[in-house]
């Protein structure tokens, strides 16, 4: 059983996977690589002057791999359901279990609906400020929780918020992920 299963490898999913794996949680990422980023060029992503969406995703994949994420590239998730101690995740190749699930499937809200997540009047997945859905320990991020604000940097922030909440639950205290160089004063 993994601690965290992330469904979707775009900015939100990659961000969530990066934060959880970087901080010691066993993380599996299912990525069909169908993100809208392959149609994008970023001029508005803080810290990056200009980057092609394909190059951005290649860098994101390299980064999550470096932190030990178990990335299942090209393995589509066909179902997610709550089980006694977490979630069962079915793919076109196998079945997996995890204590937490982060849904990062863009505007495709089918898995959230199947899981029984509440929706808003705008027909987006209802989440709290930590990106947790009405289903305990299930998180939704990015375009699936927003009617209009579909930006890579917003989605990455949603993924980070979900990851930090998972880490807070796992660590038993409010968790921050701040990196400081060894020579910082």
N, C-alpha and C. Protein backbone atom coordinates (compact mmCIF):
# COMPACT_ATOMS: atom_id res chain seq x y z
N UNK A 1 0.84 -1.19 0.00
CA UNK A 1 0.00 0.00 0.00
C UNK A 1 0.88 1.24 0.00
N UNK A 2 0.57 2.15 -0.89
CA UNK A 2 1.25 3.45 -0.91
C UNK A 2 0.58 4.36 0.11
N UNK A 3 1.31 5.36 0.53
CA UNK A 3 0.69 6.36 1.39
C UNK A 3 -0.19 7.27 0.56
N UNK A 4 0.33 7.72 -0.60
CA UNK A 4 -0.38 8.67 -1.44
C UNK A 4 -0.43 8.16 -2.87
N UNK A 5 -1.61 8.18 -3.47
CA UNK A 5 -1.77 7.92 -4.90
C UNK A 5 -2.24 9.21 -5.55
N UNK A 6 -1.54 9.63 -6.59
CA UNK A 6 -1.88 10.83 -7.33
C UNK A 6 -2.32 10.41 -8.72
N UNK A 7 -3.49 10.88 -9.12
CA UNK A 7 -4.03 10.54 -10.43
C UNK A 7 -3.95 11.78 -11.31
N UNK A 8 -3.03 11.77 -12.25
CA UNK A 8 -2.82 12.90 -13.15
C UNK A 8 -1.45 13.51 -12.92
N UNK A 9 -0.69 13.67 -14.00
CA UNK A 9 0.69 14.13 -13.87
C UNK A 9 0.97 15.51 -14.41
N UNK A 10 -0.06 16.34 -14.57
CA UNK A 10 0.17 17.72 -14.98
C UNK A 10 0.73 18.53 -13.82
N UNK A 11 0.64 19.85 -13.88
CA UNK A 11 1.20 20.68 -12.81
C UNK A 11 0.66 20.36 -11.42
N UNK A 12 -0.65 20.13 -11.27
CA UNK A 12 -1.22 19.86 -9.95
C UNK A 12 -0.75 18.51 -9.42
N UNK A 13 -0.87 17.48 -10.23
CA UNK A 13 -0.48 16.15 -9.78
C UNK A 13 1.01 16.02 -9.53
N UNK A 14 1.80 16.59 -10.42
CA UNK A 14 3.25 16.54 -10.23
C UNK A 14 3.68 17.29 -8.99
N UNK A 15 3.05 18.43 -8.73
CA UNK A 15 3.35 19.21 -7.53
C UNK A 15 3.00 18.42 -6.27
N UNK A 16 1.82 17.82 -6.25
CA UNK A 16 1.41 17.02 -5.08
C UNK A 16 2.38 15.87 -4.86
N UNK A 17 2.72 15.17 -5.92
CA UNK A 17 3.63 14.02 -5.81
C UNK A 17 5.01 14.45 -5.34
N UNK A 18 5.49 15.56 -5.87
CA UNK A 18 6.80 16.07 -5.47
C UNK A 18 6.85 16.36 -3.98
N UNK A 19 5.87 17.11 -3.47
CA UNK A 19 5.87 17.49 -2.06
C UNK A 19 5.77 16.27 -1.14
N UNK A 20 4.89 15.31 -1.48
CA UNK A 20 4.71 14.17 -0.58
C UNK A 20 5.94 13.26 -0.61
N UNK A 21 6.47 12.98 -1.79
CA UNK A 21 7.64 12.10 -1.87
C UNK A 21 8.87 12.76 -1.26
N UNK A 22 9.05 14.05 -1.53
CA UNK A 22 10.19 14.79 -1.00
C UNK A 22 10.23 14.73 0.53
N UNK A 23 9.07 14.63 1.13
CA UNK A 23 8.97 14.63 2.59
C UNK A 23 8.70 13.24 3.17
N UNK A 24 9.11 12.22 2.43
CA UNK A 24 9.17 10.87 2.98
C UNK A 24 7.93 10.00 2.85
N UNK A 25 6.90 10.44 2.12
CA UNK A 25 5.72 9.60 1.97
C UNK A 25 5.84 8.77 0.70
N UNK A 26 5.51 7.49 0.80
CA UNK A 26 5.53 6.59 -0.35
C UNK A 26 4.43 7.07 -1.31
N UNK A 27 4.85 7.51 -2.50
CA UNK A 27 3.93 8.16 -3.43
C UNK A 27 3.95 7.49 -4.79
N UNK A 28 2.78 7.19 -5.30
CA UNK A 28 2.62 6.64 -6.65
C UNK A 28 1.87 7.67 -7.49
N UNK A 29 2.32 7.88 -8.72
CA UNK A 29 1.72 8.86 -9.63
C UNK A 29 1.32 8.15 -10.92
N UNK A 30 0.06 8.27 -11.27
CA UNK A 30 -0.46 7.71 -12.51
C UNK A 30 -0.61 8.84 -13.52
N UNK A 31 0.08 8.73 -14.65
CA UNK A 31 0.13 9.84 -15.59
C UNK A 31 -0.06 9.33 -17.02
N UNK A 32 -1.16 9.72 -17.64
CA UNK A 32 -1.38 9.37 -19.05
C UNK A 32 -0.74 10.39 -19.98
N UNK A 33 -0.18 11.46 -19.42
CA UNK A 33 0.50 12.51 -20.16
C UNK A 33 -0.42 13.19 -21.17
N UNK A 34 -1.68 13.37 -20.77
CA UNK A 34 -2.64 14.06 -21.63
C UNK A 34 -2.92 15.47 -21.14
N UNK A 35 -1.99 16.03 -20.38
CA UNK A 35 -2.16 17.37 -19.83
C UNK A 35 -2.24 18.43 -20.93
N UNK A 36 -3.01 19.48 -20.61
CA UNK A 36 -3.11 20.62 -21.52
C UNK A 36 -1.77 21.32 -21.69
N UNK A 37 -0.84 21.03 -20.83
CA UNK A 37 0.47 21.69 -20.90
C UNK A 37 1.15 21.43 -22.25
N UNK A 38 0.83 20.34 -22.91
CA UNK A 38 1.45 20.05 -24.20
C UNK A 38 0.98 21.00 -25.30
N UNK A 39 -0.04 21.79 -25.01
CA UNK A 39 -0.54 22.79 -25.96
C UNK A 39 -0.16 24.20 -25.51
N UNK A 40 0.63 24.29 -24.46
CA UNK A 40 0.89 25.59 -23.83
C UNK A 40 2.33 26.05 -24.05
N UNK A 41 2.52 27.33 -23.87
CA UNK A 41 3.83 27.94 -23.71
C UNK A 41 3.66 28.92 -22.55
N UNK A 42 4.51 28.78 -21.54
CA UNK A 42 4.36 29.58 -20.33
C UNK A 42 5.23 30.84 -20.36
N UNK A 43 4.55 31.98 -20.27
CA UNK A 43 5.22 33.26 -20.07
C UNK A 43 4.79 33.84 -18.73
N UNK A 44 3.87 33.15 -18.02
CA UNK A 44 3.27 33.71 -16.81
C UNK A 44 3.45 32.81 -15.60
N UNK A 45 4.45 31.97 -15.61
CA UNK A 45 4.71 31.07 -14.49
C UNK A 45 5.84 31.69 -13.67
N UNK A 46 5.54 32.06 -12.43
CA UNK A 46 6.50 32.76 -11.59
C UNK A 46 7.83 32.01 -11.56
N UNK A 47 8.91 32.72 -11.80
CA UNK A 47 10.25 32.14 -11.74
C UNK A 47 10.76 31.63 -13.08
N UNK A 48 9.88 31.55 -14.06
CA UNK A 48 10.27 31.09 -15.40
C UNK A 48 9.94 32.19 -16.40
N UNK A 49 10.96 32.65 -17.12
CA UNK A 49 10.71 33.72 -18.09
C UNK A 49 9.88 33.22 -19.25
N UNK A 50 10.21 32.05 -19.78
CA UNK A 50 9.51 31.50 -20.93
C UNK A 50 9.89 30.03 -21.05
N UNK A 51 8.88 29.16 -21.17
CA UNK A 51 9.16 27.74 -21.34
C UNK A 51 8.01 27.07 -22.09
N UNK A 52 8.37 26.22 -23.00
CA UNK A 52 7.40 25.44 -23.75
C UNK A 52 6.76 24.42 -22.82
N UNK A 53 5.47 24.15 -22.99
CA UNK A 53 4.76 23.21 -22.13
C UNK A 53 5.37 21.82 -22.11
N UNK A 54 5.83 21.34 -23.26
CA UNK A 54 6.47 20.02 -23.30
C UNK A 54 7.75 20.01 -22.45
N UNK A 55 8.55 21.06 -22.58
CA UNK A 55 9.78 21.15 -21.79
C UNK A 55 9.47 21.26 -20.31
N UNK A 56 8.43 22.03 -19.97
CA UNK A 56 8.01 22.16 -18.58
C UNK A 56 7.65 20.79 -18.01
N UNK A 57 6.87 20.01 -18.75
CA UNK A 57 6.46 18.70 -18.26
C UNK A 57 7.64 17.74 -18.16
N UNK A 58 8.58 17.82 -19.09
CA UNK A 58 9.77 16.97 -19.00
C UNK A 58 10.55 17.30 -17.73
N UNK A 59 10.69 18.57 -17.43
CA UNK A 59 11.38 18.99 -16.20
C UNK A 59 10.61 18.52 -14.97
N UNK A 60 9.29 18.65 -14.99
CA UNK A 60 8.46 18.21 -13.85
C UNK A 60 8.62 16.70 -13.64
N UNK A 61 8.56 15.94 -14.71
CA UNK A 61 8.73 14.48 -14.59
C UNK A 61 10.11 14.13 -14.04
N UNK A 62 11.14 14.78 -14.54
CA UNK A 62 12.49 14.53 -14.03
C UNK A 62 12.57 14.83 -12.54
N UNK A 63 11.94 15.92 -12.12
CA UNK A 63 12.00 16.33 -10.72
C UNK A 63 11.28 15.33 -9.82
N UNK A 64 10.07 14.89 -10.19
CA UNK A 64 9.38 13.93 -9.34
C UNK A 64 10.12 12.59 -9.30
N UNK A 65 10.73 12.23 -10.42
CA UNK A 65 11.52 11.00 -10.44
C UNK A 65 12.72 11.09 -9.49
N UNK A 66 13.37 12.24 -9.47
CA UNK A 66 14.53 12.44 -8.59
C UNK A 66 14.16 12.30 -7.12
N UNK A 67 12.92 12.61 -6.76
CA UNK A 67 12.48 12.50 -5.37
C UNK A 67 11.86 11.15 -5.05
N UNK A 68 11.93 10.22 -5.99
CA UNK A 68 11.51 8.85 -5.71
C UNK A 68 10.05 8.54 -5.89
N UNK A 69 9.33 9.38 -6.62
CA UNK A 69 7.94 9.08 -6.92
C UNK A 69 7.89 7.84 -7.82
N UNK A 70 7.00 6.92 -7.51
CA UNK A 70 6.78 5.73 -8.33
C UNK A 70 5.83 6.13 -9.45
N UNK A 71 6.40 6.62 -10.56
CA UNK A 71 5.59 7.18 -11.65
C UNK A 71 5.22 6.09 -12.64
N UNK A 72 3.91 5.92 -12.82
CA UNK A 72 3.38 4.94 -13.77
C UNK A 72 2.95 5.70 -15.02
N UNK A 73 3.91 5.92 -15.91
CA UNK A 73 3.66 6.68 -17.12
C UNK A 73 2.83 5.86 -18.09
N UNK A 74 1.74 6.44 -18.57
CA UNK A 74 0.89 5.79 -19.54
C UNK A 74 -0.12 4.81 -18.96
N UNK A 75 -0.18 4.71 -17.63
CA UNK A 75 -1.12 3.79 -16.98
C UNK A 75 -2.36 4.57 -16.55
N UNK A 76 -3.46 4.35 -17.24
CA UNK A 76 -4.70 5.09 -16.99
C UNK A 76 -5.46 4.52 -15.81
N UNK A 77 -5.92 5.39 -14.94
CA UNK A 77 -6.77 4.99 -13.81
C UNK A 77 -8.20 4.89 -14.33
N UNK A 78 -8.81 3.74 -14.07
CA UNK A 78 -10.18 3.49 -14.54
C UNK A 78 -11.20 3.57 -13.42
N UNK A 79 -10.75 3.58 -12.17
CA UNK A 79 -11.68 3.67 -11.06
C UNK A 79 -10.97 3.92 -9.75
N UNK A 80 -11.65 4.64 -8.85
CA UNK A 80 -11.16 4.89 -7.50
C UNK A 80 -12.34 4.70 -6.55
N UNK A 81 -12.12 3.95 -5.49
CA UNK A 81 -13.18 3.82 -4.50
C UNK A 81 -12.59 3.79 -3.10
N UNK A 82 -13.37 4.30 -2.16
CA UNK A 82 -12.95 4.28 -0.76
C UNK A 82 -13.03 2.85 -0.27
N UNK A 83 -12.02 2.45 0.49
CA UNK A 83 -12.01 1.12 1.10
C UNK A 83 -11.81 1.32 2.60
N UNK A 84 -11.78 0.25 3.37
CA UNK A 84 -11.71 0.34 4.82
C UNK A 84 -10.61 1.23 5.35
N UNK A 85 -9.42 1.17 4.78
CA UNK A 85 -8.29 1.93 5.32
C UNK A 85 -7.66 2.85 4.28
N UNK A 86 -8.44 3.29 3.33
CA UNK A 86 -7.92 4.19 2.31
C UNK A 86 -8.70 4.07 1.02
N UNK A 87 -7.98 3.84 -0.06
CA UNK A 87 -8.58 3.84 -1.38
C UNK A 87 -8.05 2.68 -2.22
N UNK A 88 -8.91 2.16 -3.06
CA UNK A 88 -8.53 1.19 -4.07
C UNK A 88 -8.49 1.92 -5.40
N UNK A 89 -7.42 1.76 -6.12
CA UNK A 89 -7.24 2.43 -7.40
C UNK A 89 -7.09 1.36 -8.46
N UNK A 90 -7.99 1.36 -9.42
CA UNK A 90 -7.94 0.40 -10.53
C UNK A 90 -7.37 1.11 -11.76
N UNK A 91 -6.47 0.43 -12.46
CA UNK A 91 -5.94 0.97 -13.70
C UNK A 91 -6.20 -0.03 -14.82
N UNK A 92 -5.80 0.33 -16.00
CA UNK A 92 -5.96 -0.59 -17.12
C UNK A 92 -4.97 -1.75 -17.02
N UNK A 93 -4.04 -1.70 -16.06
CA UNK A 93 -3.03 -2.74 -15.93
C UNK A 93 -3.06 -3.51 -14.62
N UNK A 94 -3.54 -2.88 -13.52
CA UNK A 94 -3.43 -3.51 -12.20
C UNK A 94 -4.35 -2.80 -11.21
N UNK A 95 -4.27 -3.24 -9.95
CA UNK A 95 -5.00 -2.57 -8.86
C UNK A 95 -4.01 -2.18 -7.78
N UNK A 96 -4.26 -1.05 -7.14
CA UNK A 96 -3.37 -0.49 -6.14
C UNK A 96 -4.20 -0.02 -4.94
N UNK A 97 -3.53 0.20 -3.82
CA UNK A 97 -4.18 0.78 -2.66
C UNK A 97 -3.32 1.92 -2.12
N UNK A 98 -3.99 2.88 -1.50
CA UNK A 98 -3.29 4.02 -0.91
C UNK A 98 -4.14 4.58 0.23
N UNK A 99 -3.46 5.21 1.18
CA UNK A 99 -4.16 5.84 2.30
C UNK A 99 -4.85 7.14 1.89
N UNK A 100 -4.26 7.86 0.95
CA UNK A 100 -4.78 9.13 0.46
C UNK A 100 -4.81 9.08 -1.06
N UNK A 101 -5.73 9.84 -1.65
CA UNK A 101 -5.76 9.97 -3.10
C UNK A 101 -5.87 11.45 -3.45
N UNK A 102 -5.09 11.86 -4.44
CA UNK A 102 -5.14 13.22 -4.97
C UNK A 102 -5.57 13.11 -6.43
N UNK A 103 -6.73 13.69 -6.73
CA UNK A 103 -7.25 13.68 -8.10
C UNK A 103 -6.78 14.95 -8.79
N UNK A 104 -6.07 14.77 -9.89
CA UNK A 104 -5.51 15.90 -10.63
C UNK A 104 -5.71 15.64 -12.12
N UNK A 105 -6.96 15.44 -12.50
CA UNK A 105 -7.29 15.01 -13.86
C UNK A 105 -7.85 16.14 -14.71
N UNK A 106 -7.43 17.35 -14.44
CA UNK A 106 -7.91 18.48 -15.22
C UNK A 106 -9.40 18.66 -15.05
N UNK A 107 -10.09 18.97 -16.13
CA UNK A 107 -11.53 19.21 -16.06
C UNK A 107 -12.33 17.91 -16.09
N UNK A 108 -11.65 16.78 -16.19
CA UNK A 108 -12.34 15.49 -16.16
C UNK A 108 -12.65 15.15 -14.70
N UNK A 109 -13.92 15.25 -14.35
CA UNK A 109 -14.35 15.07 -12.97
C UNK A 109 -14.99 13.70 -12.72
N UNK A 110 -14.88 12.80 -13.67
CA UNK A 110 -15.53 11.50 -13.59
C UNK A 110 -15.12 10.68 -12.39
N UNK A 111 -13.83 10.63 -12.08
CA UNK A 111 -13.38 9.85 -10.92
C UNK A 111 -13.90 10.44 -9.62
N UNK A 112 -13.95 11.76 -9.52
CA UNK A 112 -14.48 12.42 -8.32
C UNK A 112 -15.96 12.10 -8.16
N UNK A 113 -16.68 12.09 -9.25
CA UNK A 113 -18.11 11.76 -9.19
C UNK A 113 -18.29 10.30 -8.76
N UNK A 114 -17.50 9.41 -9.36
CA UNK A 114 -17.56 7.98 -9.02
C UNK A 114 -17.24 7.74 -7.55
N UNK A 115 -16.31 8.52 -7.01
CA UNK A 115 -15.90 8.40 -5.61
C UNK A 115 -16.96 8.93 -4.65
N UNK A 116 -17.88 9.73 -5.15
CA UNK A 116 -18.94 10.28 -4.31
C UNK A 116 -18.64 11.65 -3.75
N UNK A 117 -17.70 12.37 -4.36
CA UNK A 117 -17.36 13.72 -3.91
C UNK A 117 -18.53 14.67 -4.19
N UNK A 118 -18.72 15.61 -3.29
CA UNK A 118 -19.75 16.63 -3.48
C UNK A 118 -19.30 17.60 -4.57
N UNK A 119 -20.30 18.17 -5.27
CA UNK A 119 -20.05 19.15 -6.32
C UNK A 119 -20.75 20.45 -5.95
N UNK A 120 -20.25 21.56 -6.47
CA UNK A 120 -20.85 22.87 -6.24
C UNK A 120 -21.97 23.11 -7.26
N UNK A 121 -22.66 24.23 -7.11
CA UNK A 121 -23.68 24.62 -8.08
C UNK A 121 -23.08 24.90 -9.46
N UNK A 122 -21.78 25.20 -9.51
CA UNK A 122 -21.08 25.42 -10.78
C UNK A 122 -20.60 24.11 -11.41
N UNK A 123 -20.96 22.98 -10.80
CA UNK A 123 -20.61 21.65 -11.30
C UNK A 123 -19.11 21.37 -11.27
N UNK A 124 -18.42 21.93 -10.26
CA UNK A 124 -17.02 21.60 -10.01
C UNK A 124 -16.95 20.87 -8.67
N UNK A 125 -15.87 20.14 -8.47
CA UNK A 125 -15.71 19.39 -7.23
C UNK A 125 -15.57 20.37 -6.06
N UNK A 126 -16.34 20.15 -5.02
CA UNK A 126 -16.30 21.01 -3.84
C UNK A 126 -15.12 20.59 -2.96
N UNK A 127 -14.27 21.55 -2.63
CA UNK A 127 -13.12 21.31 -1.75
C UNK A 127 -13.03 22.41 -0.72
N UNK A 128 -12.29 22.12 0.36
CA UNK A 128 -12.00 23.18 1.32
C UNK A 128 -10.67 23.83 0.95
N UNK A 129 -10.16 24.71 1.78
CA UNK A 129 -8.94 25.45 1.47
C UNK A 129 -7.72 24.53 1.32
N UNK A 130 -7.78 23.34 1.90
CA UNK A 130 -6.66 22.40 1.79
C UNK A 130 -6.80 21.48 0.58
N UNK A 131 -7.85 21.66 -0.20
CA UNK A 131 -8.17 20.88 -1.39
C UNK A 131 -8.79 19.53 -1.07
N UNK A 132 -9.18 19.32 0.21
CA UNK A 132 -9.84 18.07 0.57
C UNK A 132 -11.30 18.11 0.14
N UNK A 133 -11.77 17.01 -0.40
CA UNK A 133 -13.15 16.90 -0.86
C UNK A 133 -14.04 16.49 0.31
N UNK A 134 -15.31 16.25 0.01
CA UNK A 134 -16.24 15.76 1.02
C UNK A 134 -15.95 14.32 1.43
N UNK A 135 -15.11 13.63 0.67
CA UNK A 135 -14.67 12.28 1.00
C UNK A 135 -13.36 12.41 1.77
N UNK A 136 -13.33 11.97 3.00
CA UNK A 136 -12.13 12.12 3.84
C UNK A 136 -10.91 11.52 3.16
N UNK A 137 -9.82 12.28 3.19
CA UNK A 137 -8.52 11.87 2.65
C UNK A 137 -8.48 11.78 1.14
N UNK A 138 -9.48 12.32 0.47
CA UNK A 138 -9.49 12.43 -0.99
C UNK A 138 -9.42 13.92 -1.34
N UNK A 139 -8.52 14.26 -2.23
CA UNK A 139 -8.26 15.64 -2.60
C UNK A 139 -8.52 15.83 -4.09
N UNK A 140 -8.96 17.01 -4.46
CA UNK A 140 -9.16 17.35 -5.86
C UNK A 140 -8.45 18.68 -6.12
N UNK A 141 -7.89 18.83 -7.31
CA UNK A 141 -7.02 19.96 -7.60
C UNK A 141 -7.26 20.49 -9.00
N UNK A 142 -6.74 21.68 -9.23
CA UNK A 142 -6.70 22.23 -10.58
C UNK A 142 -8.07 22.49 -11.18
N UNK A 143 -8.19 22.22 -12.47
CA UNK A 143 -9.39 22.56 -13.23
C UNK A 143 -10.63 21.83 -12.74
N UNK A 144 -10.47 20.71 -12.04
CA UNK A 144 -11.67 19.99 -11.58
C UNK A 144 -12.37 20.73 -10.44
N UNK A 145 -11.68 21.68 -9.80
CA UNK A 145 -12.28 22.42 -8.68
C UNK A 145 -12.55 23.88 -9.02
N UNK A 146 -12.30 24.26 -10.26
CA UNK A 146 -12.43 25.66 -10.66
C UNK A 146 -13.24 25.75 -11.95
N UNK A 147 -14.17 26.68 -11.98
CA UNK A 147 -14.98 26.86 -13.18
C UNK A 147 -14.19 27.53 -14.30
N UNK A 148 -13.27 28.40 -13.96
CA UNK A 148 -12.58 29.18 -15.00
C UNK A 148 -11.07 29.33 -14.81
N UNK A 149 -10.58 29.39 -13.60
CA UNK A 149 -9.18 29.76 -13.36
C UNK A 149 -8.24 28.58 -13.63
N UNK A 150 -8.05 28.26 -14.89
CA UNK A 150 -7.24 27.12 -15.27
C UNK A 150 -5.86 27.60 -15.69
N UNK A 151 -4.99 27.76 -14.76
CA UNK A 151 -3.62 28.20 -15.00
C UNK A 151 -2.66 27.21 -14.37
N UNK A 152 -1.54 26.96 -15.02
CA UNK A 152 -0.57 26.00 -14.51
C UNK A 152 -0.11 26.34 -13.10
N UNK A 153 0.17 27.61 -12.85
CA UNK A 153 0.69 28.01 -11.55
C UNK A 153 -0.37 27.83 -10.46
N UNK A 154 -1.64 28.07 -10.78
CA UNK A 154 -2.72 27.85 -9.82
C UNK A 154 -2.85 26.36 -9.54
N UNK A 155 -2.82 25.56 -10.59
CA UNK A 155 -2.94 24.10 -10.42
C UNK A 155 -1.79 23.55 -9.59
N UNK A 156 -0.57 24.02 -9.84
CA UNK A 156 0.58 23.55 -9.06
C UNK A 156 0.39 23.93 -7.58
N UNK A 157 -0.15 25.11 -7.32
CA UNK A 157 -0.43 25.52 -5.95
C UNK A 157 -1.48 24.66 -5.29
N UNK A 158 -2.52 24.30 -6.06
CA UNK A 158 -3.54 23.39 -5.52
C UNK A 158 -2.92 22.05 -5.13
N UNK A 159 -2.05 21.52 -5.99
CA UNK A 159 -1.38 20.25 -5.69
C UNK A 159 -0.52 20.36 -4.45
N UNK A 160 0.19 21.48 -4.30
CA UNK A 160 1.02 21.70 -3.12
C UNK A 160 0.15 21.79 -1.86
N UNK A 161 -0.99 22.48 -1.95
CA UNK A 161 -1.89 22.60 -0.79
C UNK A 161 -2.39 21.24 -0.36
N UNK A 162 -2.79 20.42 -1.32
CA UNK A 162 -3.25 19.06 -1.00
C UNK A 162 -2.13 18.27 -0.32
N UNK A 163 -0.94 18.33 -0.89
CA UNK A 163 0.20 17.59 -0.33
C UNK A 163 0.52 18.05 1.09
N UNK A 164 0.51 19.35 1.32
CA UNK A 164 0.83 19.85 2.66
C UNK A 164 -0.21 19.40 3.68
N UNK A 165 -1.48 19.30 3.27
CA UNK A 165 -2.50 18.82 4.19
C UNK A 165 -2.29 17.34 4.49
N UNK A 166 -1.97 16.55 3.49
CA UNK A 166 -1.66 15.14 3.73
C UNK A 166 -0.49 15.03 4.69
N UNK A 167 0.56 15.80 4.45
CA UNK A 167 1.73 15.77 5.32
C UNK A 167 1.38 16.22 6.74
N UNK A 168 0.51 17.20 6.88
CA UNK A 168 0.07 17.64 8.20
C UNK A 168 -0.63 16.50 8.93
N UNK A 169 -1.51 15.80 8.24
CA UNK A 169 -2.20 14.66 8.85
C UNK A 169 -1.21 13.56 9.23
N UNK A 170 -0.27 13.27 8.36
CA UNK A 170 0.69 12.20 8.61
C UNK A 170 1.67 12.54 9.73
N UNK A 171 2.09 13.78 9.81
CA UNK A 171 3.09 14.19 10.79
C UNK A 171 2.47 14.54 12.14
N UNK A 172 1.14 14.76 12.17
CA UNK A 172 0.47 15.07 13.41
C UNK A 172 0.61 16.50 13.88
N UNK A 173 1.14 17.37 13.04
CA UNK A 173 1.26 18.79 13.35
C UNK A 173 1.30 19.56 12.04
N UNK A 174 0.99 20.86 12.11
CA UNK A 174 0.96 21.65 10.88
C UNK A 174 2.32 21.58 10.20
N UNK A 175 2.33 21.20 8.95
CA UNK A 175 3.58 20.96 8.24
C UNK A 175 3.86 22.06 7.22
N UNK A 176 5.08 22.53 7.21
CA UNK A 176 5.57 23.49 6.22
C UNK A 176 6.72 22.84 5.48
N UNK A 177 6.86 23.15 4.23
CA UNK A 177 7.98 22.63 3.43
C UNK A 177 8.82 23.82 2.97
N UNK A 178 9.74 24.22 3.83
CA UNK A 178 10.63 25.32 3.49
C UNK A 178 12.04 24.78 3.35
N UNK A 179 12.65 25.02 2.22
CA UNK A 179 14.04 24.63 2.01
C UNK A 179 14.92 25.84 2.24
N UNK A 180 15.99 25.66 3.00
CA UNK A 180 16.94 26.74 3.21
C UNK A 180 18.34 26.20 2.95
N UNK A 181 19.17 27.00 2.29
CA UNK A 181 20.54 26.54 2.06
C UNK A 181 21.31 26.43 3.37
N UNK A 182 22.31 25.60 3.38
CA UNK A 182 23.10 25.36 4.60
C UNK A 182 23.77 26.63 5.10
N UNK A 183 24.06 27.56 4.21
CA UNK A 183 24.76 28.79 4.63
C UNK A 183 23.81 29.95 4.92
N UNK A 184 22.50 29.66 4.99
CA UNK A 184 21.53 30.72 5.29
C UNK A 184 21.67 31.19 6.72
N UNK A 185 21.51 32.48 6.93
CA UNK A 185 21.64 33.05 8.27
C UNK A 185 20.29 33.25 8.89
